[in-house]
Amino acid sequence: MVGVLAVSFCDRGAGQESVCLDLWSYPDGTYNLVLENHGDEGKVEVSFPCALYQLIAIKRGTMFVSQNDLGFVEIDRCEDKVCAQFIPFSGPGGFRYCIRFDEYRSAIEALEDNVIGYVA
């Protein structure tokens, strides 16, 4: 199943190590936050399932928190920004990046507009 990248929390640099938290939308109506680490040791991906209502709630100021075996991710509105962070349970490798609230809102509204197509 091919997903569509809705929004990305990252600062990708050519030829540099980068860590990104990407929100992917899939044709079956599911969503995943995928933490991608592109470093010297290759690419590592960690997935955090989420629901559209959770992503919408962030626009109203509700914090989203999810965890797996490696750590947890938080997404929260901070005034005119939306910030995402990954906090590992052990070792280094934490990540925090903020995007403009308008960018996040536009991405989530586009997902909301398409949700009608998923209802059977």
N, C-alpha and C. Protein backbone atom coordinates (compact mmCIF):
# COMPACT_ATOMS: atom_id res chain seq x y z
N MET A 1 0.85 -1.16 0.00
CA MET A 1 0.00 0.00 0.00
C MET A 1 0.91 1.24 0.00
N VAL A 2 0.62 2.15 -0.88
CA VAL A 2 1.42 3.36 -1.02
C VAL A 2 0.80 4.47 -0.16
N GLY A 3 1.64 5.08 0.67
CA GLY A 3 1.18 6.17 1.52
C GLY A 3 1.49 7.53 0.91
N VAL A 4 0.87 8.54 1.49
CA VAL A 4 1.09 9.92 1.07
C VAL A 4 1.67 10.68 2.27
N LEU A 5 2.78 11.36 2.04
CA LEU A 5 3.40 12.16 3.09
C LEU A 5 2.55 13.41 3.31
N ALA A 6 2.01 13.56 4.53
CA ALA A 6 1.14 14.69 4.83
C ALA A 6 1.93 15.88 5.37
N VAL A 7 2.83 15.62 6.30
CA VAL A 7 3.63 16.69 6.91
C VAL A 7 4.88 16.07 7.50
N SER A 8 5.94 16.86 7.56
CA SER A 8 7.22 16.36 8.05
C SER A 8 7.83 17.34 9.05
N PHE A 9 8.28 16.78 10.17
CA PHE A 9 9.00 17.55 11.18
C PHE A 9 10.48 17.20 11.01
N CYS A 10 11.20 17.99 10.24
CA CYS A 10 12.63 17.70 10.08
C CYS A 10 13.34 18.81 9.34
N ASP A 11 14.63 18.71 9.40
CA ASP A 11 15.51 19.63 8.70
C ASP A 11 16.51 18.77 7.94
N ARG A 12 16.18 18.44 6.72
CA ARG A 12 17.04 17.56 5.94
C ARG A 12 18.17 18.38 5.32
N GLY A 13 19.38 17.89 5.50
CA GLY A 13 20.54 18.54 4.91
C GLY A 13 21.23 17.57 3.97
N ALA A 14 21.61 18.04 2.81
CA ALA A 14 22.29 17.20 1.83
C ALA A 14 23.61 16.71 2.40
N GLY A 15 23.80 15.39 2.39
CA GLY A 15 25.05 14.80 2.85
C GLY A 15 25.23 14.81 4.35
N GLN A 16 24.19 15.17 5.10
CA GLN A 16 24.28 15.22 6.56
C GLN A 16 23.36 14.19 7.17
N GLU A 17 23.67 13.82 8.40
CA GLU A 17 22.76 12.95 9.14
C GLU A 17 21.48 13.74 9.40
N SER A 18 20.35 13.08 9.29
CA SER A 18 19.09 13.77 9.55
C SER A 18 18.13 12.84 10.29
N VAL A 19 17.30 13.44 11.10
CA VAL A 19 16.25 12.73 11.81
C VAL A 19 14.95 13.46 11.49
N CYS A 20 13.94 12.71 11.09
CA CYS A 20 12.66 13.31 10.72
C CYS A 20 11.52 12.52 11.34
N LEU A 21 10.45 13.21 11.68
CA LEU A 21 9.20 12.58 12.07
C LEU A 21 8.19 12.94 11.00
N ASP A 22 7.79 11.94 10.22
CA ASP A 22 6.89 12.15 9.09
C ASP A 22 5.51 11.57 9.39
N LEU A 23 4.48 12.30 8.99
CA LEU A 23 3.10 11.81 9.10
C LEU A 23 2.67 11.29 7.74
N TRP A 24 2.34 9.99 7.70
CA TRP A 24 1.92 9.34 6.47
C TRP A 24 0.45 8.96 6.55
N SER A 25 -0.27 9.17 5.46
CA SER A 25 -1.67 8.81 5.31
C SER A 25 -1.77 7.70 4.28
N TYR A 26 -2.64 6.71 4.54
CA TYR A 26 -2.77 5.57 3.64
C TYR A 26 -4.20 5.46 3.10
N PRO A 27 -4.36 4.86 1.92
CA PRO A 27 -5.68 4.78 1.28
C PRO A 27 -6.75 4.07 2.11
N ASP A 28 -6.34 3.20 3.06
CA ASP A 28 -7.33 2.51 3.89
C ASP A 28 -7.79 3.34 5.09
N GLY A 29 -7.31 4.61 5.17
CA GLY A 29 -7.73 5.50 6.24
C GLY A 29 -6.86 5.44 7.48
N THR A 30 -5.75 4.73 7.42
CA THR A 30 -4.85 4.68 8.58
C THR A 30 -3.77 5.74 8.46
N TYR A 31 -3.15 6.04 9.61
CA TYR A 31 -2.11 7.05 9.68
C TYR A 31 -0.96 6.51 10.53
N ASN A 32 0.26 6.89 10.17
CA ASN A 32 1.44 6.53 10.94
C ASN A 32 2.37 7.72 11.04
N LEU A 33 2.92 7.91 12.23
CA LEU A 33 4.04 8.82 12.42
C LEU A 33 5.28 7.95 12.33
N VAL A 34 6.18 8.29 11.43
CA VAL A 34 7.37 7.47 11.20
C VAL A 34 8.61 8.31 11.51
N LEU A 35 9.37 7.86 12.49
CA LEU A 35 10.63 8.49 12.83
C LEU A 35 11.70 7.86 11.94
N GLU A 36 12.32 8.69 11.12
CA GLU A 36 13.37 8.22 10.21
C GLU A 36 14.70 8.82 10.64
N ASN A 37 15.69 7.97 10.81
CA ASN A 37 17.02 8.42 11.16
C ASN A 37 17.96 8.00 10.03
N HIS A 38 18.48 8.98 9.31
CA HIS A 38 19.41 8.74 8.21
C HIS A 38 20.80 9.13 8.70
N GLY A 39 21.59 8.12 9.07
CA GLY A 39 22.91 8.41 9.61
C GLY A 39 23.99 7.59 8.96
N ASP A 40 25.17 7.60 9.58
CA ASP A 40 26.31 6.87 9.06
C ASP A 40 26.05 5.36 9.01
N GLU A 41 25.18 4.87 9.89
CA GLU A 41 24.91 3.43 9.96
C GLU A 41 23.71 3.03 9.12
N GLY A 42 23.26 3.89 8.25
CA GLY A 42 22.13 3.58 7.38
C GLY A 42 20.85 4.22 7.87
N LYS A 43 19.74 3.71 7.37
CA LYS A 43 18.43 4.27 7.67
C LYS A 43 17.69 3.39 8.68
N VAL A 44 17.15 4.03 9.71
CA VAL A 44 16.36 3.34 10.72
C VAL A 44 14.98 4.00 10.76
N GLU A 45 13.93 3.19 10.78
CA GLU A 45 12.57 3.72 10.85
C GLU A 45 11.84 3.13 12.05
N VAL A 46 11.12 3.98 12.77
CA VAL A 46 10.32 3.57 13.92
C VAL A 46 8.93 4.13 13.70
N SER A 47 7.91 3.30 13.84
CA SER A 47 6.55 3.71 13.52
C SER A 47 5.69 3.87 14.78
N PHE A 48 4.82 4.89 14.73
CA PHE A 48 3.86 5.16 15.80
C PHE A 48 2.48 5.34 15.15
N PRO A 49 1.60 4.35 15.26
CA PRO A 49 0.25 4.51 14.69
C PRO A 49 -0.51 5.63 15.39
N CYS A 50 -1.38 6.29 14.65
CA CYS A 50 -2.19 7.36 15.22
C CYS A 50 -3.50 7.42 14.46
N ALA A 51 -4.43 8.22 14.99
CA ALA A 51 -5.75 8.38 14.37
C ALA A 51 -5.95 9.84 14.01
N LEU A 52 -6.81 10.08 13.03
CA LEU A 52 -7.06 11.44 12.57
C LEU A 52 -7.59 12.33 13.69
N TYR A 53 -8.48 11.80 14.54
CA TYR A 53 -9.02 12.63 15.62
C TYR A 53 -7.91 13.10 16.57
N GLN A 54 -6.86 12.30 16.76
CA GLN A 54 -5.74 12.71 17.60
C GLN A 54 -4.96 13.84 16.95
N LEU A 55 -4.79 13.75 15.64
CA LEU A 55 -4.06 14.77 14.90
C LEU A 55 -4.84 16.08 14.86
N ILE A 56 -6.16 15.99 14.75
CA ILE A 56 -7.03 17.17 14.76
C ILE A 56 -6.97 17.85 16.13
N ALA A 57 -6.95 17.04 17.20
CA ALA A 57 -6.95 17.58 18.56
C ALA A 57 -5.71 18.44 18.84
N ILE A 58 -4.61 18.15 18.18
CA ILE A 58 -3.39 18.95 18.35
C ILE A 58 -3.66 20.40 17.95
N LYS A 59 -4.50 20.61 16.93
CA LYS A 59 -4.83 21.98 16.50
C LYS A 59 -5.50 22.76 17.62
N ARG A 60 -6.22 22.06 18.50
CA ARG A 60 -6.93 22.71 19.61
C ARG A 60 -6.08 22.78 20.88
N GLY A 61 -4.84 22.28 20.82
CA GLY A 61 -3.96 22.38 21.97
C GLY A 61 -3.82 21.12 22.80
N THR A 62 -4.39 20.00 22.35
CA THR A 62 -4.25 18.73 23.06
C THR A 62 -2.96 18.05 22.63
N MET A 63 -2.16 17.64 23.60
CA MET A 63 -0.90 16.96 23.29
C MET A 63 -1.16 15.52 22.84
N PHE A 64 -0.44 15.09 21.81
CA PHE A 64 -0.48 13.71 21.36
C PHE A 64 0.75 13.00 21.91
N VAL A 65 0.55 11.83 22.52
CA VAL A 65 1.66 11.02 23.04
C VAL A 65 1.44 9.58 22.61
N SER A 66 2.50 8.96 22.10
CA SER A 66 2.46 7.54 21.73
C SER A 66 3.82 6.94 22.06
N GLN A 67 3.83 5.64 22.34
CA GLN A 67 5.10 5.00 22.65
C GLN A 67 5.16 3.61 22.03
N ASN A 68 6.40 3.15 21.87
CA ASN A 68 6.66 1.77 21.46
C ASN A 68 7.83 1.27 22.29
N ASP A 69 8.45 0.17 21.89
CA ASP A 69 9.53 -0.43 22.68
C ASP A 69 10.78 0.45 22.78
N LEU A 70 10.96 1.38 21.84
CA LEU A 70 12.18 2.19 21.80
C LEU A 70 12.08 3.53 22.53
N GLY A 71 10.86 4.05 22.64
CA GLY A 71 10.70 5.36 23.27
C GLY A 71 9.31 5.90 23.00
N PHE A 72 9.16 7.20 23.19
CA PHE A 72 7.86 7.79 22.92
C PHE A 72 7.99 9.08 22.13
N VAL A 73 6.89 9.43 21.47
CA VAL A 73 6.82 10.64 20.67
C VAL A 73 5.73 11.53 21.25
N GLU A 74 5.99 12.83 21.26
CA GLU A 74 5.02 13.82 21.70
C GLU A 74 4.88 14.87 20.61
N ILE A 75 3.65 15.28 20.34
CA ILE A 75 3.40 16.40 19.43
C ILE A 75 2.46 17.35 20.16
N ASP A 76 2.84 18.63 20.17
CA ASP A 76 2.09 19.61 20.94
C ASP A 76 2.11 20.96 20.22
N ARG A 77 1.03 21.71 20.38
CA ARG A 77 0.99 23.07 19.84
C ARG A 77 1.67 24.01 20.83
N CYS A 78 2.58 24.81 20.31
CA CYS A 78 3.32 25.79 21.12
C CYS A 78 3.13 27.16 20.47
N GLU A 79 2.04 27.85 20.84
CA GLU A 79 1.69 29.16 20.28
C GLU A 79 1.52 29.07 18.77
N ASP A 80 2.44 29.67 17.99
CA ASP A 80 2.29 29.69 16.53
C ASP A 80 3.08 28.56 15.86
N LYS A 81 3.45 27.53 16.64
CA LYS A 81 4.19 26.38 16.11
C LYS A 81 3.57 25.09 16.61
N VAL A 82 3.90 24.00 15.94
CA VAL A 82 3.59 22.66 16.42
C VAL A 82 4.93 21.95 16.51
N CYS A 83 5.21 21.41 17.70
CA CYS A 83 6.51 20.80 17.95
C CYS A 83 6.36 19.30 18.18
N ALA A 84 7.28 18.55 17.61
CA ALA A 84 7.32 17.10 17.78
C ALA A 84 8.65 16.72 18.40
N GLN A 85 8.60 15.75 19.30
CA GLN A 85 9.84 15.26 19.86
C GLN A 85 9.76 13.76 20.09
N PHE A 86 10.91 13.12 19.95
CA PHE A 86 11.07 11.70 20.24
C PHE A 86 12.03 11.59 21.41
N ILE A 87 11.63 10.84 22.41
CA ILE A 87 12.47 10.64 23.59
C ILE A 87 12.70 9.14 23.74
N PRO A 88 13.95 8.69 23.52
CA PRO A 88 14.23 7.26 23.64
C PRO A 88 14.23 6.82 25.11
N PHE A 89 13.89 5.55 25.34
CA PHE A 89 13.92 5.03 26.70
C PHE A 89 15.34 4.86 27.22
N SER A 90 16.29 4.66 26.31
CA SER A 90 17.68 4.51 26.75
C SER A 90 18.62 5.08 25.69
N GLY A 91 19.71 5.63 26.16
CA GLY A 91 20.74 6.13 25.26
C GLY A 91 20.41 7.47 24.64
N PRO A 92 21.36 7.98 23.86
CA PRO A 92 21.14 9.25 23.16
C PRO A 92 20.22 9.04 21.96
N GLY A 93 19.93 10.11 21.28
CA GLY A 93 19.13 9.99 20.07
C GLY A 93 17.81 10.70 20.13
N GLY A 94 17.63 11.56 21.12
CA GLY A 94 16.42 12.35 21.19
C GLY A 94 16.34 13.31 20.01
N PHE A 95 15.14 13.78 19.74
CA PHE A 95 14.89 14.62 18.57
C PHE A 95 13.77 15.57 18.91
N ARG A 96 13.89 16.83 18.49
CA ARG A 96 12.81 17.81 18.63
C ARG A 96 12.89 18.76 17.44
N TYR A 97 11.73 19.01 16.84
CA TYR A 97 11.67 19.92 15.71
C TYR A 97 10.28 20.56 15.68
N CYS A 98 10.22 21.82 15.34
CA CYS A 98 8.95 22.55 15.28
C CYS A 98 8.70 23.06 13.86
N ILE A 99 7.42 23.10 13.49
CA ILE A 99 7.01 23.68 12.22
C ILE A 99 5.97 24.76 12.52
N ARG A 100 5.71 25.60 11.55
CA ARG A 100 4.69 26.64 11.70
C ARG A 100 3.31 26.00 11.89
N PHE A 101 2.49 26.57 12.76
CA PHE A 101 1.15 26.05 12.99
C PHE A 101 0.35 26.03 11.69
N ASP A 102 0.47 27.08 10.87
CA ASP A 102 -0.28 27.14 9.61
C ASP A 102 0.06 25.96 8.70
N GLU A 103 1.32 25.56 8.67
CA GLU A 103 1.72 24.41 7.86
C GLU A 103 1.06 23.13 8.37
N TYR A 104 1.07 22.93 9.69
CA TYR A 104 0.42 21.76 10.28
C TYR A 104 -1.08 21.78 10.02
N ARG A 105 -1.72 22.92 10.29
CA ARG A 105 -3.17 23.04 10.11
C ARG A 105 -3.57 22.72 8.67
N SER A 106 -2.84 23.25 7.70
CA SER A 106 -3.15 22.98 6.29
C SER A 106 -3.05 21.50 5.96
N ALA A 107 -2.03 20.85 6.49
CA ALA A 107 -1.85 19.41 6.22
C ALA A 107 -2.99 18.59 6.82
N ILE A 108 -3.39 18.91 8.05
CA ILE A 108 -4.46 18.16 8.71
C ILE A 108 -5.80 18.45 8.04
N GLU A 109 -6.04 19.69 7.64
CA GLU A 109 -7.29 20.01 6.94
C GLU A 109 -7.37 19.28 5.61
N ALA A 110 -6.25 19.09 4.93
CA ALA A 110 -6.25 18.32 3.68
C ALA A 110 -6.61 16.86 3.96
N LEU A 111 -6.13 16.32 5.08
CA LEU A 111 -6.49 14.95 5.46
C LEU A 111 -7.98 14.86 5.79
N GLU A 112 -8.49 15.86 6.50
CA GLU A 112 -9.92 15.89 6.86
C GLU A 112 -10.78 15.93 5.60
N ASP A 113 -10.37 16.70 4.60
CA ASP A 113 -11.12 16.82 3.35
C ASP A 113 -11.19 15.47 2.62
N ASN A 114 -10.16 14.64 2.77
CA ASN A 114 -10.12 13.36 2.08
C ASN A 114 -10.74 12.21 2.85
N VAL A 115 -11.09 12.42 4.10
CA VAL A 115 -11.60 11.32 4.93
C VAL A 115 -12.94 10.79 4.41
N ILE A 116 -13.72 11.58 3.72
CA ILE A 116 -15.00 11.14 3.16
C ILE A 116 -14.80 9.95 2.23
N GLY A 117 -13.71 9.95 1.50
CA GLY A 117 -13.43 8.86 0.57
C GLY A 117 -13.15 7.54 1.27
N TYR A 118 -12.85 7.57 2.57
CA TYR A 118 -12.51 6.34 3.29
C TYR A 118 -13.74 5.67 3.91
N VAL A 119 -14.84 6.40 4.03
CA VAL A 119 -16.03 5.86 4.67
C VAL A 119 -16.71 4.90 3.70
N ALA A 120 -17.02 3.69 4.20
CA ALA A 120 -17.65 2.68 3.32
C ALA A 120 -19.13 2.58 3.61
